[in-house]
Amino acid sequence: MGPRSGIHCATVLTVIRGIIPLLLLLGCSSDASSELQVRGAQDLDCPETQVDVTRINDSNYLVTGCGKRLYYRQSCAQLDGAGNQCTLAPSVDQPR
């Protein structure tokens, strides 16, 4: 490897350092629809293609499929310097 490979690696690392924060922001989106599509299919015992996810408000979702429905609540906690960590849990009551 010659001196050019060192320059190339430095450029690649610079680009990666710029992209990682963007990916983290996108990965911590408050919209959990895609995750709920998969989880809802499992919880409802229904094929993913038949599951619909509706966002009710900032933290509540309705998942329907195969004649069944479940409500989910999203809770997020801010981590020290690492963005947010969000969890989804089935909700016993219908959100108001």
C-alpha atoms as a PDB file:
ATOM      1  CA  MET A   1       0.000   0.000   0.000  1.00  0.00           C
ATOM      2  CA  GLY A   2       1.323   3.375  -0.966  1.00  0.00           C
ATOM      3  CA  PRO A   3       0.663   6.845   0.402  1.00  0.00           C
ATOM      4  CA  ARG A   4      -2.551   7.140  -1.616  1.00  0.00           C
ATOM      5  CA  SER A   5      -4.251   4.389   0.423  1.00  0.00           C
ATOM      6  CA  GLY A   6      -3.656   6.403   3.621  1.00  0.00           C
ATOM      7  CA  ILE A   7      -5.370   9.419   2.102  1.00  0.00           C
ATOM      8  CA  HIS A   8      -8.241   7.256   0.881  1.00  0.00           C
ATOM      9  CA  CYS A   9      -8.746   5.700   4.334  1.00  0.00           C
ATOM     10  CA  ALA A  10      -8.695   9.120   6.003  1.00  0.00           C
ATOM     11  CA  THR A  11     -11.339  10.372   3.577  1.00  0.00           C
ATOM     12  CA  VAL A  12     -13.521   7.318   4.147  1.00  0.00           C
ATOM     13  CA  LEU A  13     -13.245   7.706   7.933  1.00  0.00           C
ATOM     14  CA  THR A  14     -14.195  11.377   7.696  1.00  0.00           C
ATOM     15  CA  VAL A  15     -17.272  10.514   5.645  1.00  0.00           C
ATOM     16  CA  ILE A  16     -18.261   7.720   8.053  1.00  0.00           C
ATOM     17  CA  ARG A  17     -17.917  10.044  11.055  1.00  0.00           C
ATOM     18  CA  GLY A  18     -20.309  12.451   9.357  1.00  0.00           C
ATOM     19  CA  ILE A  19     -22.869   9.785   8.461  1.00  0.00           C
ATOM     20  CA  ILE A  20     -23.058   7.937  11.793  1.00  0.00           C
ATOM     21  CA  PRO A  21     -24.834  10.751  13.720  1.00  0.00           C
ATOM     22  CA  LEU A  22     -27.342  11.092  10.889  1.00  0.00           C
ATOM     23  CA  LEU A  23     -28.059   7.359  10.943  1.00  0.00           C
ATOM     24  CA  LEU A  24     -28.515   7.451  14.705  1.00  0.00           C
ATOM     25  CA  LEU A  25     -31.055  10.249  14.379  1.00  0.00           C
ATOM     26  CA  LEU A  26     -32.957   8.377  11.706  1.00  0.00           C
ATOM     27  CA  GLY A  27     -32.839   5.158  13.715  1.00  0.00           C
ATOM     28  CA  CYS A  28     -34.350   6.881  16.744  1.00  0.00           C
ATOM     29  CA  SER A  29     -37.318   8.240  14.919  1.00  0.00           C
ATOM     30  CA  SER A  30     -40.387   8.662  17.066  1.00  0.00           C
ATOM     31  CA  ASP A  31     -42.469   6.903  14.420  1.00  0.00           C
ATOM     32  CA  ALA A  32     -42.432   3.232  15.345  1.00  0.00           C
ATOM     33  CA  SER A  33     -44.729   2.051  12.555  1.00  0.00           C
ATOM     34  CA  SER A  34     -42.283  -0.330  10.891  1.00  0.00           C
ATOM     35  CA  GLU A  35     -41.351  -1.986  14.185  1.00  0.00           C
ATOM     36  CA  LEU A  36     -45.018  -2.295  15.119  1.00  0.00           C
ATOM     37  CA  GLN A  37     -45.834  -3.868  11.761  1.00  0.00           C
ATOM     38  CA  VAL A  38     -43.583  -6.815  12.672  1.00  0.00           C
ATOM     39  CA  ARG A  39     -44.422  -6.934  16.369  1.00  0.00           C
ATOM     40  CA  GLY A  40     -48.141  -6.516  15.724  1.00  0.00           C
ATOM     41  CA  ALA A  41     -48.092  -9.442  13.301  1.00  0.00           C
ATOM     42  CA  GLN A  42     -46.567 -11.616  16.022  1.00  0.00           C
ATOM     43  CA  ASP A  43     -48.838 -10.374  18.817  1.00  0.00           C
ATOM     44  CA  LEU A  44     -51.997 -10.644  16.701  1.00  0.00           C
ATOM     45  CA  ASP A  45     -50.918 -13.953  15.163  1.00  0.00           C
ATOM     46  CA  CYS A  46     -51.555 -12.409  11.757  1.00  0.00           C
ATOM     47  CA  PRO A  47     -49.470 -12.122   8.546  1.00  0.00           C
ATOM     48  CA  GLU A  48     -47.541  -8.828   8.305  1.00  0.00           C
ATOM     49  CA  THR A  49     -49.233  -8.062   4.993  1.00  0.00           C
ATOM     50  CA  GLN A  50     -52.592  -7.944   6.792  1.00  0.00           C
ATOM     51  CA  VAL A  51     -51.453  -5.727   9.683  1.00  0.00           C
ATOM     52  CA  ASP A  52     -52.171  -1.986   9.702  1.00  0.00           C
ATOM     53  CA  VAL A  53     -50.537   0.514  12.050  1.00  0.00           C
ATOM     54  CA  THR A  54     -52.203   3.832  12.835  1.00  0.00           C
ATOM     55  CA  ARG A  55     -50.462   6.530  14.831  1.00  0.00           C
ATOM     56  CA  ILE A  56     -53.013   7.983  17.261  1.00  0.00           C
ATOM     57  CA  ASN A  57     -50.771  10.661  18.780  1.00  0.00           C
ATOM     58  CA  ASP A  58     -47.102  11.184  19.693  1.00  0.00           C
ATOM     59  CA  SER A  59     -46.880   8.071  21.852  1.00  0.00           C
ATOM     60  CA  ASN A  60     -49.871   5.832  21.062  1.00  0.00           C
ATOM     61  CA  TYR A  61     -50.507   3.475  18.168  1.00  0.00           C
ATOM     62  CA  LEU A  62     -53.363   1.240  17.073  1.00  0.00           C
ATOM     63  CA  VAL A  63     -52.401  -2.042  15.395  1.00  0.00           C
ATOM     64  CA  THR A  64     -55.124  -4.006  13.614  1.00  0.00           C
ATOM     65  CA  GLY A  65     -55.177  -7.206  11.605  1.00  0.00           C
ATOM     66  CA  CYS A  66     -57.121 -10.434  11.148  1.00  0.00           C
ATOM     67  CA  GLY A  67     -60.141  -8.959  12.933  1.00  0.00           C
ATOM     68  CA  LYS A  68     -58.132  -8.082  16.070  1.00  0.00           C
ATOM     69  CA  ARG A  69     -56.737  -4.850  17.511  1.00  0.00           C
ATOM     70  CA  LEU A  70     -54.044  -3.858  20.003  1.00  0.00           C
ATOM     71  CA  TYR A  71     -52.942  -0.503  21.346  1.00  0.00           C
ATOM     72  CA  TYR A  72     -49.280   0.234  21.986  1.00  0.00           C
ATOM     73  CA  ARG A  73     -47.644   3.026  23.949  1.00  0.00           C
ATOM     74  CA  GLN A  74     -44.169   4.284  23.117  1.00  0.00           C
ATOM     75  CA  SER A  75     -41.993   5.554  25.967  1.00  0.00           C
ATOM     76  CA  CYS A  76     -38.660   7.264  25.337  1.00  0.00           C
ATOM     77  CA  ALA A  77     -35.827   8.063  27.715  1.00  0.00           C
ATOM     78  CA  GLN A  78     -32.934  10.344  26.899  1.00  0.00           C
ATOM     79  CA  LEU A  79     -29.542   8.678  27.227  1.00  0.00           C
ATOM     80  CA  ASP A  80     -26.401  10.549  28.233  1.00  0.00           C
ATOM     81  CA  GLY A  81     -24.940  11.763  24.942  1.00  0.00           C
ATOM     82  CA  ALA A  82     -26.409   8.861  22.981  1.00  0.00           C
ATOM     83  CA  GLY A  83     -29.817  10.173  21.929  1.00  0.00           C
ATOM     84  CA  ASN A  84     -33.057   8.491  22.945  1.00  0.00           C
ATOM     85  CA  GLN A  85     -33.957   4.922  23.751  1.00  0.00           C
ATOM     86  CA  CYS A  86     -37.576   4.112  23.006  1.00  0.00           C
ATOM     87  CA  THR A  87     -39.608   1.088  23.990  1.00  0.00           C
ATOM     88  CA  LEU A  88     -43.037  -0.082  22.848  1.00  0.00           C
ATOM     89  CA  ALA A  89     -45.456  -1.852  25.174  1.00  0.00           C
ATOM     90  CA  PRO A  90     -48.992  -3.065  24.676  1.00  0.00           C
ATOM     91  CA  SER A  91     -51.481  -0.741  26.355  1.00  0.00           C
ATOM     92  CA  VAL A  92     -54.371  -2.207  28.324  1.00  0.00           C
ATOM     93  CA  ASP A  93     -56.605   0.825  27.826  1.00  0.00           C
ATOM     94  CA  GLN A  94     -57.599   2.651  24.669  1.00  0.00           C
ATOM     95  CA  PRO A  95     -55.699   5.974  24.495  1.00  0.00           C
ATOM     96  CA  ARG A  96     -57.791   9.116  24.832  1.00  0.00           C
END
